Each structure stands twice: as structure tokens, then as C-alpha cells.
Amino acid sequence: MGTFFTDEQMQEAIVALEDHTAGIWERMKKMALTPDHPNDEGQALEQGAIVRVLTIVLPKVPFVAQAQYPSEARARLSIDLGNSVRSEIASMKDGS
């Protein structure tokens, strides 16, 4: 799943996100399907809400908080989460 983190760590991060805001993972996948520049105010608000949740939750994930360089770990986790979202979307499109 992840490039920087293990599958178990990725699942831990997703659970932390879901514990904070139920349904956030599905919302992230839905937003990944929208254009880079939101077409309407609702999409822009949704995108902002997702960013806020990531900003609040990711620094608190234990393996990020305990990392030697927490800011770098948070950035890498964000990358891995984005890759996981895109991977799940691709799998759904392929029917896998």
C-alpha cells in the first residue's frame, strides 16, 4: 500500500482519520475524482475540510509523533495516503 510506511501503519492512519471524522476515507476518494480546481464552493469547502482533518490527525498518529523528524513523517504519510486513495480508485475502476 505505502511507499514510505507499512500496510499496517497505513491502516492505523486510516483508522485514526475515521475515528476523528467518520466517512473521511470515502470523502477523500470522492474528492480525488474531482478536478484539481474545484468547480463549486461545495467542493472547495469539502477539500478544505479534508485538509483540516489531515492537519489535525496525522501529527497525532503514534508512528508520526514518535518519528525522529515528525514533520517529514507527516509529509510522507500524506503522500502514502494520497497514493492509497488513487490505488483504491484504480482498483474500483478495474473491477478488482
PDB file of N, CA and C in Angstrom:
ATOM      1  N   MET A   1       0.836  -1.193   0.000  1.00  0.00           N
ATOM      2  CA  MET A   1       0.000   0.000   0.000  1.00  0.00           C
ATOM      3  C   MET A   1       0.877   1.251   0.000  1.00  0.00           C
ATOM      4  N   GLY A   2       1.715   1.405   1.018  1.00  0.00           N
ATOM      5  CA  GLY A   2       2.503   2.619   1.128  1.00  0.00           C
ATOM      6  C   GLY A   2       3.874   2.491   0.498  1.00  0.00           C
ATOM      7  N   THR A   3       4.492   3.611   0.255  1.00  0.00           N
ATOM      8  CA  THR A   3       5.853   3.652  -0.250  1.00  0.00           C
ATOM      9  C   THR A   3       6.814   3.835   0.928  1.00  0.00           C
ATOM     10  N   PHE A   4       6.423   4.696   1.858  1.00  0.00           N
ATOM     11  CA  PHE A   4       7.267   5.028   2.990  1.00  0.00           C
ATOM     12  C   PHE A   4       6.907   4.221   4.232  1.00  0.00           C
ATOM     13  N   PHE A   5       5.635   3.840   4.357  1.00  0.00           N
ATOM     14  CA  PHE A   5       5.150   3.166   5.560  1.00  0.00           C
ATOM     15  C   PHE A   5       4.581   1.795   5.226  1.00  0.00           C
ATOM     16  N   THR A   6       4.504   0.943   6.227  1.00  0.00           N
ATOM     17  CA  THR A   6       3.977  -0.408   6.036  1.00  0.00           C
ATOM     18  C   THR A   6       2.454  -0.362   5.871  1.00  0.00           C
ATOM     19  N   ASP A   7       1.912  -1.464   5.371  1.00  0.00           N
ATOM     20  CA  ASP A   7       0.458  -1.563   5.241  1.00  0.00           C
ATOM     21  C   ASP A   7      -0.219  -1.405   6.602  1.00  0.00           C
ATOM     22  N   GLU A   8       0.378  -1.965   7.642  1.00  0.00           N
ATOM     23  CA  GLU A   8      -0.196  -1.855   8.985  1.00  0.00           C
ATOM     24  C   GLU A   8      -0.218  -0.400   9.458  1.00  0.00           C
ATOM     25  N   GLN A   9       0.846   0.316   9.192  1.00  0.00           N
ATOM     26  CA  GLN A   9       0.884   1.728   9.574  1.00  0.00           C
ATOM     27  C   GLN A   9      -0.145   2.530   8.784  1.00  0.00           C
ATOM     28  N   MET A  10      -0.301   2.205   7.520  1.00  0.00           N
ATOM     29  CA  MET A  10      -1.292   2.904   6.701  1.00  0.00           C
ATOM     30  C   MET A  10      -2.697   2.649   7.249  1.00  0.00           C
ATOM     31  N   GLN A  11      -2.973   1.401   7.595  1.00  0.00           N
ATOM     32  CA  GLN A  11      -4.282   1.078   8.164  1.00  0.00           C
ATOM     33  C   GLN A  11      -4.488   1.815   9.485  1.00  0.00           C
ATOM     34  N   GLU A  12      -3.448   1.922  10.290  1.00  0.00           N
ATOM     35  CA  GLU A  12      -3.529   2.656  11.551  1.00  0.00           C
ATOM     36  C   GLU A  12      -3.874   4.127  11.298  1.00  0.00           C
ATOM     37  N   ALA A  13      -3.259   4.702  10.292  1.00  0.00           N
ATOM     38  CA  ALA A  13      -3.537   6.102   9.959  1.00  0.00           C
ATOM     39  C   ALA A  13      -4.972   6.269   9.458  1.00  0.00           C
ATOM     40  N   ILE A  14      -5.438   5.352   8.631  1.00  0.00           N
ATOM     41  CA  ILE A  14      -6.806   5.433   8.110  1.00  0.00           C
ATOM     42  C   ILE A  14      -7.812   5.291   9.253  1.00  0.00           C
ATOM     43  N   VAL A  15      -7.545   4.374  10.174  1.00  0.00           N
ATOM     44  CA  VAL A  15      -8.431   4.203  11.336  1.00  0.00           C
ATOM     45  C   VAL A  15      -8.448   5.487  12.166  1.00  0.00           C
ATOM     46  N   ALA A  16      -7.295   6.100  12.364  1.00  0.00           N
ATOM     47  CA  ALA A  16      -7.235   7.352  13.126  1.00  0.00           C
ATOM     48  C   ALA A  16      -8.051   8.445  12.440  1.00  0.00           C
ATOM     49  N   LEU A  17      -7.948   8.519  11.116  1.00  0.00           N
ATOM     50  CA  LEU A  17      -8.736   9.506  10.375  1.00  0.00           C
ATOM     51  C   LEU A  17     -10.231   9.231  10.542  1.00  0.00           C
ATOM     52  N   GLU A  18     -10.620   7.972  10.400  1.00  0.00           N
ATOM     53  CA  GLU A  18     -12.030   7.586  10.524  1.00  0.00           C
ATOM     54  C   GLU A  18     -12.545   7.793  11.946  1.00  0.00           C
ATOM     55  N   ASP A  19     -11.703   7.542  12.944  1.00  0.00           N
ATOM     56  CA  ASP A  19     -12.112   7.771  14.333  1.00  0.00           C
ATOM     57  C   ASP A  19     -12.385   9.248  14.581  1.00  0.00           C
ATOM     58  N   HIS A  20     -11.600  10.090  13.946  1.00  0.00           N
ATOM     59  CA  HIS A  20     -11.784  11.534  14.113  1.00  0.00           C
ATOM     60  C   HIS A  20     -12.994  12.029  13.336  1.00  0.00           C
ATOM     61  N   THR A  21     -13.141  11.582  12.109  1.00  0.00           N
ATOM     62  CA  THR A  21     -14.226  12.027  11.225  1.00  0.00           C
ATOM     63  C   THR A  21     -14.709  10.825  10.424  1.00  0.00           C
ATOM     64  N   ALA A  22     -15.801  10.252  10.885  1.00  0.00           N
ATOM     65  CA  ALA A  22     -16.352   9.071  10.211  1.00  0.00           C
ATOM     66  C   ALA A  22     -16.662   9.384   8.744  1.00  0.00           C
ATOM     67  N   GLY A  23     -16.273   8.478   7.869  1.00  0.00           N
ATOM     68  CA  GLY A  23     -16.530   8.639   6.450  1.00  0.00           C
ATOM     69  C   GLY A  23     -15.487   9.438   5.693  1.00  0.00           C
ATOM     70  N   ILE A  24     -14.428   9.869   6.378  1.00  0.00           N
ATOM     71  CA  ILE A  24     -13.427  10.729   5.729  1.00  0.00           C
ATOM     72  C   ILE A  24     -12.714  10.001   4.594  1.00  0.00           C
ATOM     73  N   TRP A  25     -12.470   8.697   4.742  1.00  0.00           N
ATOM     74  CA  TRP A  25     -11.752   7.959   3.696  1.00  0.00           C
ATOM     75  C   TRP A  25     -12.561   7.959   2.405  1.00  0.00           C
ATOM     76  N   GLU A  26     -13.858   7.728   2.497  1.00  0.00           N
ATOM     77  CA  GLU A  26     -14.717   7.765   1.308  1.00  0.00           C
ATOM     78  C   GLU A  26     -14.781   9.174   0.725  1.00  0.00           C
ATOM     79  N   ARG A  27     -14.818  10.164   1.591  1.00  0.00           N
ATOM     80  CA  ARG A  27     -14.831  11.549   1.117  1.00  0.00           C
ATOM     81  C   ARG A  27     -13.539  11.885   0.383  1.00  0.00           C
ATOM     82  N   MET A  28     -12.422  11.353   0.883  1.00  0.00           N
ATOM     83  CA  MET A  28     -11.141  11.586   0.223  1.00  0.00           C
ATOM     84  C   MET A  28     -11.128  10.951  -1.165  1.00  0.00           C
ATOM     85  N   LYS A  29     -11.672   9.748  -1.276  1.00  0.00           N
ATOM     86  CA  LYS A  29     -11.722   9.087  -2.587  1.00  0.00           C
ATOM     87  C   LYS A  29     -12.627   9.860  -3.535  1.00  0.00           C
ATOM     88  N   LYS A  30     -13.746  10.343  -3.027  1.00  0.00           N
ATOM     89  CA  LYS A  30     -14.660  11.128  -3.863  1.00  0.00           C
ATOM     90  C   LYS A  30     -13.979  12.417  -4.354  1.00  0.00           C
ATOM     91  N   MET A  31     -13.263  13.074  -3.474  1.00  0.00           N
ATOM     92  CA  MET A  31     -12.582  14.316  -3.869  1.00  0.00           C
ATOM     93  C   MET A  31     -11.451  14.046  -4.855  1.00  0.00           C
ATOM     94  N   ALA A  32     -10.842  12.885  -4.772  1.00  0.00           N
ATOM     95  CA  ALA A  32      -9.757  12.547  -5.706  1.00  0.00           C
ATOM     96  C   ALA A  32     -10.278  12.405  -7.129  1.00  0.00           C
ATOM     97  N   LEU A  33     -11.562  12.181  -7.253  1.00  0.00           N
ATOM     98  CA  LEU A  33     -12.163  12.048  -8.580  1.00  0.00           C
ATOM     99  C   LEU A  33     -12.578  13.389  -9.182  1.00  0.00           C
ATOM    100  N   THR A  34     -12.497  14.459  -8.402  1.00  0.00           N
ATOM    101  CA  THR A  34     -12.889  15.775  -8.889  1.00  0.00           C
ATOM    102  C   THR A  34     -11.674  16.478  -9.487  1.00  0.00           C
ATOM    103  N   PRO A  35     -11.911  17.492 -10.302  1.00  0.00           N
ATOM    104  CA  PRO A  35     -10.792  18.237 -10.901  1.00  0.00           C
ATOM    105  C   PRO A  35      -9.902  18.872  -9.836  1.00  0.00           C
ATOM    106  N   ASP A  36      -8.668  19.173 -10.224  1.00  0.00           N
ATOM    107  CA  ASP A  36      -7.729  19.804  -9.291  1.00  0.00           C
ATOM    108  C   ASP A  36      -8.235  21.147  -8.784  1.00  0.00           C
ATOM    109  N   HIS A  37      -8.975  21.832  -9.596  1.00  0.00           N
ATOM    110  CA  HIS A  37      -9.548  23.121  -9.209  1.00  0.00           C
ATOM    111  C   HIS A  37     -11.041  22.923  -9.041  1.00  0.00           C
ATOM    112  N   PRO A  38     -11.524  22.883  -7.785  1.00  0.00           N
ATOM    113  CA  PRO A  38     -12.951  22.631  -7.546  1.00  0.00           C
ATOM    114  C   PRO A  38     -13.841  23.575  -8.356  1.00  0.00           C
ATOM    115  N   ASN A  39     -14.915  22.985  -8.889  1.00  0.00           N
ATOM    116  CA  ASN A  39     -15.836  23.750  -9.731  1.00  0.00           C
ATOM    117  C   ASN A  39     -16.814  24.601  -8.947  1.00  0.00           C
ATOM    118  N   ASP A  40     -17.081  24.216  -7.724  1.00  0.00           N
ATOM    119  CA  ASP A  40     -18.064  24.983  -6.962  1.00  0.00           C
ATOM    120  C   ASP A  40     -17.610  25.148  -5.518  1.00  0.00           C
ATOM    121  N   GLU A  41     -18.341  25.984  -4.821  1.00  0.00           N
ATOM    122  CA  GLU A  41     -17.976  26.288  -3.443  1.00  0.00           C
ATOM    123  C   GLU A  41     -18.062  25.054  -2.553  1.00  0.00           C
ATOM    124  N   GLY A  42     -19.021  24.165  -2.813  1.00  0.00           N
ATOM    125  CA  GLY A  42     -19.167  22.947  -2.027  1.00  0.00           C
ATOM    126  C   GLY A  42     -17.938  22.065  -2.106  1.00  0.00           C
ATOM    127  N   GLN A  43     -17.397  21.914  -3.319  1.00  0.00           N
ATOM    128  CA  GLN A  43     -16.180  21.112  -3.487  1.00  0.00           C
ATOM    129  C   GLN A  43     -15.000  21.768  -2.780  1.00  0.00           C
ATOM    130  N   ALA A  44     -14.915  23.065  -2.868  1.00  0.00           N
ATOM    131  CA  ALA A  44     -13.822  23.783  -2.211  1.00  0.00           C
ATOM    132  C   ALA A  44     -13.914  23.632  -0.695  1.00  0.00           C
ATOM    133  N   LEU A  45     -15.117  23.694  -0.160  1.00  0.00           N
ATOM    134  CA  LEU A  45     -15.315  23.518   1.278  1.00  0.00           C
ATOM    135  C   LEU A  45     -14.957  22.094   1.702  1.00  0.00           C
ATOM    136  N   GLU A  46     -15.371  21.118   0.909  1.00  0.00           N
ATOM    137  CA  GLU A  46     -15.060  19.716   1.203  1.00  0.00           C
ATOM    138  C   GLU A  46     -13.555  19.492   1.197  1.00  0.00           C
ATOM    139  N   GLN A  47     -12.890  20.044   0.215  1.00  0.00           N
ATOM    140  CA  GLN A  47     -11.438  19.910   0.126  1.00  0.00           C
ATOM    141  C   GLN A  47     -10.772  20.542   1.350  1.00  0.00           C
ATOM    142  N   GLY A  48     -11.250  21.689   1.762  1.00  0.00           N
ATOM    143  CA  GLY A  48     -10.707  22.356   2.946  1.00  0.00           C
ATOM    144  C   GLY A  48     -10.933  21.538   4.210  1.00  0.00           C
ATOM    145  N   ALA A  49     -12.107  20.914   4.317  1.00  0.00           N
ATOM    146  CA  ALA A  49     -12.409  20.081   5.484  1.00  0.00           C
ATOM    147  C   ALA A  49     -11.476  18.880   5.559  1.00  0.00           C
ATOM    148  N   ILE A  50     -11.203  18.266   4.425  1.00  0.00           N
ATOM    149  CA  ILE A  50     -10.296  17.114   4.387  1.00  0.00           C
ATOM    150  C   ILE A  50      -8.892  17.539   4.815  1.00  0.00           C
ATOM    151  N   VAL A  51      -8.434  18.652   4.304  1.00  0.00           N
ATOM    152  CA  VAL A  51      -7.101  19.145   4.666  1.00  0.00           C
ATOM    153  C   VAL A  51      -7.026  19.419   6.166  1.00  0.00           C
ATOM    154  N   ARG A  52      -8.075  19.999   6.741  1.00  0.00           N
ATOM    155  CA  ARG A  52      -8.083  20.270   8.181  1.00  0.00           C
ATOM    156  C   ARG A  52      -7.991  18.972   8.984  1.00  0.00           C
ATOM    157  N   VAL A  53      -8.747  17.959   8.580  1.00  0.00           N
ATOM    158  CA  VAL A  53      -8.700  16.673   9.294  1.00  0.00           C
ATOM    159  C   VAL A  53      -7.294  16.081   9.208  1.00  0.00           C
ATOM    160  N   LEU A  54      -6.702  16.092   8.030  1.00  0.00           N
ATOM    161  CA  LEU A  54      -5.339  15.581   7.877  1.00  0.00           C
ATOM    162  C   LEU A  54      -4.363  16.355   8.758  1.00  0.00           C
ATOM    163  N   THR A  55      -4.525  17.657   8.819  1.00  0.00           N
ATOM    164  CA  THR A  55      -3.638  18.517   9.604  1.00  0.00           C
ATOM    165  C   THR A  55      -3.766  18.226  11.096  1.00  0.00           C
ATOM    166  N   ILE A  56      -4.964  17.907  11.534  1.00  0.00           N
ATOM    167  CA  ILE A  56      -5.201  17.623  12.953  1.00  0.00           C
ATOM    168  C   ILE A  56      -4.756  16.210  13.321  1.00  0.00           C
ATOM    169  N   VAL A  57      -5.107  15.241  12.503  1.00  0.00           N
ATOM    170  CA  VAL A  57      -4.928  13.833  12.867  1.00  0.00           C
ATOM    171  C   VAL A  57      -3.523  13.305  12.608  1.00  0.00           C
ATOM    172  N   LEU A  58      -2.952  13.572  11.463  1.00  0.00           N
ATOM    173  CA  LEU A  58      -1.682  12.936  11.102  1.00  0.00           C
ATOM    174  C   LEU A  58      -0.556  13.183  12.103  1.00  0.00           C
ATOM    175  N   PRO A  59      -0.406  14.390  12.653  1.00  0.00           N
ATOM    176  CA  PRO A  59       0.671  14.573  13.641  1.00  0.00           C
ATOM    177  C   PRO A  59       0.478  13.745  14.909  1.00  0.00           C
ATOM    178  N   LYS A  60      -0.761  13.306  15.177  1.00  0.00           N
ATOM    179  CA  LYS A  60      -1.054  12.542  16.391  1.00  0.00           C
ATOM    180  C   LYS A  60      -0.912  11.032  16.206  1.00  0.00           C
ATOM    181  N   VAL A  61      -0.792  10.573  14.969  1.00  0.00           N
ATOM    182  CA  VAL A  61      -0.613   9.145  14.732  1.00  0.00           C
ATOM    183  C   VAL A  61       0.710   8.759  15.403  1.00  0.00           C
ATOM    184  N   PRO A  62       0.696   7.722  16.262  1.00  0.00           N
ATOM    185  CA  PRO A  62       1.888   7.423  17.070  1.00  0.00           C
ATOM    186  C   PRO A  62       3.199   7.312  16.296  1.00  0.00           C
ATOM    187  N   PHE A  63       3.208   6.630  15.168  1.00  0.00           N
ATOM    188  CA  PHE A  63       4.476   6.474  14.453  1.00  0.00           C
ATOM    189  C   PHE A  63       4.946   7.771  13.811  1.00  0.00           C
ATOM    190  N   VAL A  64       4.060   8.729  13.649  1.00  0.00           N
ATOM    191  CA  VAL A  64       4.463  10.059  13.177  1.00  0.00           C
ATOM    192  C   VAL A  64       4.946  10.890  14.360  1.00  0.00           C
ATOM    193  N   ALA A  65       4.165  10.893  15.431  1.00  0.00           N
ATOM    194  CA  ALA A  65       4.519  11.684  16.613  1.00  0.00           C
ATOM    195  C   ALA A  65       5.860  11.255  17.204  1.00  0.00           C
ATOM    196  N   GLN A  66       6.195   9.964  17.095  1.00  0.00           N
ATOM    197  CA  GLN A  66       7.419   9.439  17.685  1.00  0.00           C
ATOM    198  C   GLN A  66       8.589   9.384  16.696  1.00  0.00           C
ATOM    199  N   ALA A  67       8.353   9.824  15.479  1.00  0.00           N
ATOM    200  CA  ALA A  67       9.411   9.788  14.467  1.00  0.00           C
ATOM    201  C   ALA A  67      10.530  10.767  14.820  1.00  0.00           C
ATOM    202  N   GLN A  68      11.713  10.492  14.328  1.00  0.00           N
ATOM    203  CA  GLN A  68      12.844  11.390  14.568  1.00  0.00           C
ATOM    204  C   GLN A  68      12.551  12.770  13.982  1.00  0.00           C
ATOM    205  N   TYR A  69      11.902  12.786  12.815  1.00  0.00           N
ATOM    206  CA  TYR A  69      11.534  14.039  12.165  1.00  0.00           C
ATOM    207  C   TYR A  69      10.034  14.009  11.887  1.00  0.00           C
ATOM    208  N   PRO A  70       9.208  14.403  12.874  1.00  0.00           N
ATOM    209  CA  PRO A  70       7.759  14.293  12.727  1.00  0.00           C
ATOM    210  C   PRO A  70       7.178  15.029  11.524  1.00  0.00           C
ATOM    211  N   SER A  71       7.706  16.169  11.189  1.00  0.00           N
ATOM    212  CA  SER A  71       7.178  16.912  10.034  1.00  0.00           C
ATOM    213  C   SER A  71       7.418  16.149   8.742  1.00  0.00           C
ATOM    214  N   GLU A  72       8.589  15.551   8.627  1.00  0.00           N
ATOM    215  CA  GLU A  72       8.895  14.753   7.445  1.00  0.00           C
ATOM    216  C   GLU A  72       8.020  13.500   7.406  1.00  0.00           C
ATOM    217  N   ALA A  73       7.831  12.869   8.559  1.00  0.00           N
ATOM    218  CA  ALA A  73       6.984  11.668   8.626  1.00  0.00           C
ATOM    219  C   ALA A  73       5.548  12.004   8.243  1.00  0.00           C
ATOM    220  N   ARG A  74       5.055  13.144   8.696  1.00  0.00           N
ATOM    221  CA  ARG A  74       3.689  13.562   8.355  1.00  0.00           C
ATOM    222  C   ARG A  74       3.567  13.809   6.857  1.00  0.00           C
ATOM    223  N   ALA A  75       4.552  14.451   6.271  1.00  0.00           N
ATOM    224  CA  ALA A  75       4.528  14.712   4.829  1.00  0.00           C
ATOM    225  C   ALA A  75       4.560  13.403   4.043  1.00  0.00           C
ATOM    226  N   ARG A  76       5.399  12.473   4.469  1.00  0.00           N
ATOM    227  CA  ARG A  76       5.483  11.186   3.780  1.00  0.00           C
ATOM    228  C   ARG A  76       4.190  10.387   3.942  1.00  0.00           C
ATOM    229  N   LEU A  77       3.576  10.482   5.120  1.00  0.00           N
ATOM    230  CA  LEU A  77       2.306   9.794   5.329  1.00  0.00           C
ATOM    231  C   LEU A  77       1.226  10.387   4.434  1.00  0.00           C
ATOM    232  N   SER A  78       1.239  11.686   4.263  1.00  0.00           N
ATOM    233  CA  SER A  78       0.286  12.334   3.355  1.00  0.00           C
ATOM    234  C   SER A  78       0.457  11.815   1.932  1.00  0.00           C
ATOM    235  N   ILE A  79       1.689  11.658   1.512  1.00  0.00           N
ATOM    236  CA  ILE A  79       1.968  11.130   0.172  1.00  0.00           C
ATOM    237  C   ILE A  79       1.433   9.703   0.056  1.00  0.00           C
ATOM    238  N   ASP A  80       1.743   8.875   1.060  1.00  0.00           N
ATOM    239  CA  ASP A  80       1.279   7.491   1.030  1.00  0.00           C
ATOM    240  C   ASP A  80      -0.243   7.407   1.043  1.00  0.00           C
ATOM    241  N   LEU A  81      -0.908   8.257   1.829  1.00  0.00           N
ATOM    242  CA  LEU A  81      -2.369   8.250   1.853  1.00  0.00           C
ATOM    243  C   LEU A  81      -2.934   8.635   0.489  1.00  0.00           C
ATOM    244  N   GLY A  82      -2.336   9.630  -0.138  1.00  0.00           N
ATOM    245  CA  GLY A  82      -2.772  10.027  -1.480  1.00  0.00           C
ATOM    246  C   GLY A  82      -2.593   8.893  -2.477  1.00  0.00           C
ATOM    247  N   ASN A  83      -1.458   8.205  -2.390  1.00  0.00           N
ATOM    248  CA  ASN A  83      -1.226   7.058  -3.273  1.00  0.00           C
ATOM    249  C   ASN A  83      -2.238   5.951  -3.015  1.00  0.00           C
ATOM    250  N   SER A  84      -2.576   5.729  -1.749  1.00  0.00           N
ATOM    251  CA  SER A  84      -3.559   4.693  -1.407  1.00  0.00           C
ATOM    252  C   SER A  84      -4.940   5.036  -1.932  1.00  0.00           C
ATOM    253  N   VAL A  85      -5.320   6.294  -1.825  1.00  0.00           N
ATOM    254  CA  VAL A  85      -6.617   6.739  -2.363  1.00  0.00           C
ATOM    255  C   VAL A  85      -6.660   6.471  -3.861  1.00  0.00           C
ATOM    256  N   ARG A  86      -5.613   6.892  -4.571  1.00  0.00           N
ATOM    257  CA  ARG A  86      -5.579   6.686  -6.023  1.00  0.00           C
ATOM    258  C   ARG A  86      -5.559   5.210  -6.387  1.00  0.00           C
ATOM    259  N   SER A  87      -4.862   4.406  -5.601  1.00  0.00           N
ATOM    260  CA  SER A  87      -4.805   2.969  -5.844  1.00  0.00           C
ATOM    261  C   SER A  87      -6.180   2.323  -5.671  1.00  0.00           C
ATOM    262  N   GLU A  88      -6.892   2.706  -4.634  1.00  0.00           N
ATOM    263  CA  GLU A  88      -8.240   2.162  -4.416  1.00  0.00           C
ATOM    264  C   GLU A  88      -9.177   2.572  -5.531  1.00  0.00           C
ATOM    265  N   ILE A  89      -9.073   3.799  -5.991  1.00  0.00           N
ATOM    266  CA  ILE A  89      -9.911   4.273  -7.089  1.00  0.00           C
ATOM    267  C   ILE A  89      -9.610   3.465  -8.350  1.00  0.00           C
ATOM    268  N   ALA A  90      -8.328   3.242  -8.631  1.00  0.00           N
ATOM    269  CA  ALA A  90      -7.943   2.463  -9.810  1.00  0.00           C
ATOM    270  C   ALA A  90      -8.470   1.035  -9.715  1.00  0.00           C
ATOM    271  N   SER A  91      -8.395   0.457  -8.521  1.00  0.00           N
ATOM    272  CA  SER A  91      -8.908  -0.906  -8.329  1.00  0.00           C
ATOM    273  C   SER A  91     -10.407  -0.969  -8.555  1.00  0.00           C
ATOM    274  N   MET A  92     -11.123   0.033  -8.094  1.00  0.00           N
ATOM    275  CA  MET A  92     -12.572   0.065  -8.281  1.00  0.00           C
ATOM    276  C   MET A  92     -12.905   0.190  -9.765  1.00  0.00           C
ATOM    277  N   LYS A  93     -12.151   1.007 -10.486  1.00  0.00           N
ATOM    278  CA  LYS A  93     -12.392   1.187 -11.926  1.00  0.00           C
ATOM    279  C   LYS A  93     -12.085  -0.093 -12.693  1.00  0.00           C
ATOM    280  N   ASP A  94     -11.065  -0.844 -12.237  1.00  0.00           N
ATOM    281  CA  ASP A  94     -10.686  -2.086 -12.896  1.00  0.00           C
ATOM    282  C   ASP A  94     -11.610  -3.235 -12.527  1.00  0.00           C
ATOM    283  N   GLY A  95     -12.428  -3.017 -11.497  1.00  0.00           N
ATOM    284  CA  GLY A  95     -13.328  -4.070 -11.055  1.00  0.00           C
ATOM    285  C   GLY A  95     -12.653  -5.105 -10.200  1.00  0.00           C
ATOM    286  N   SER A  96     -11.479  -4.765  -9.668  1.00  0.00           N
ATOM    287  CA  SER A  96     -10.726  -5.723  -8.832  1.00  0.00           C
ATOM    288  C   SER A  96     -11.268  -5.738  -7.432  1.00  0.00           C
TER     289      SER A  96
END
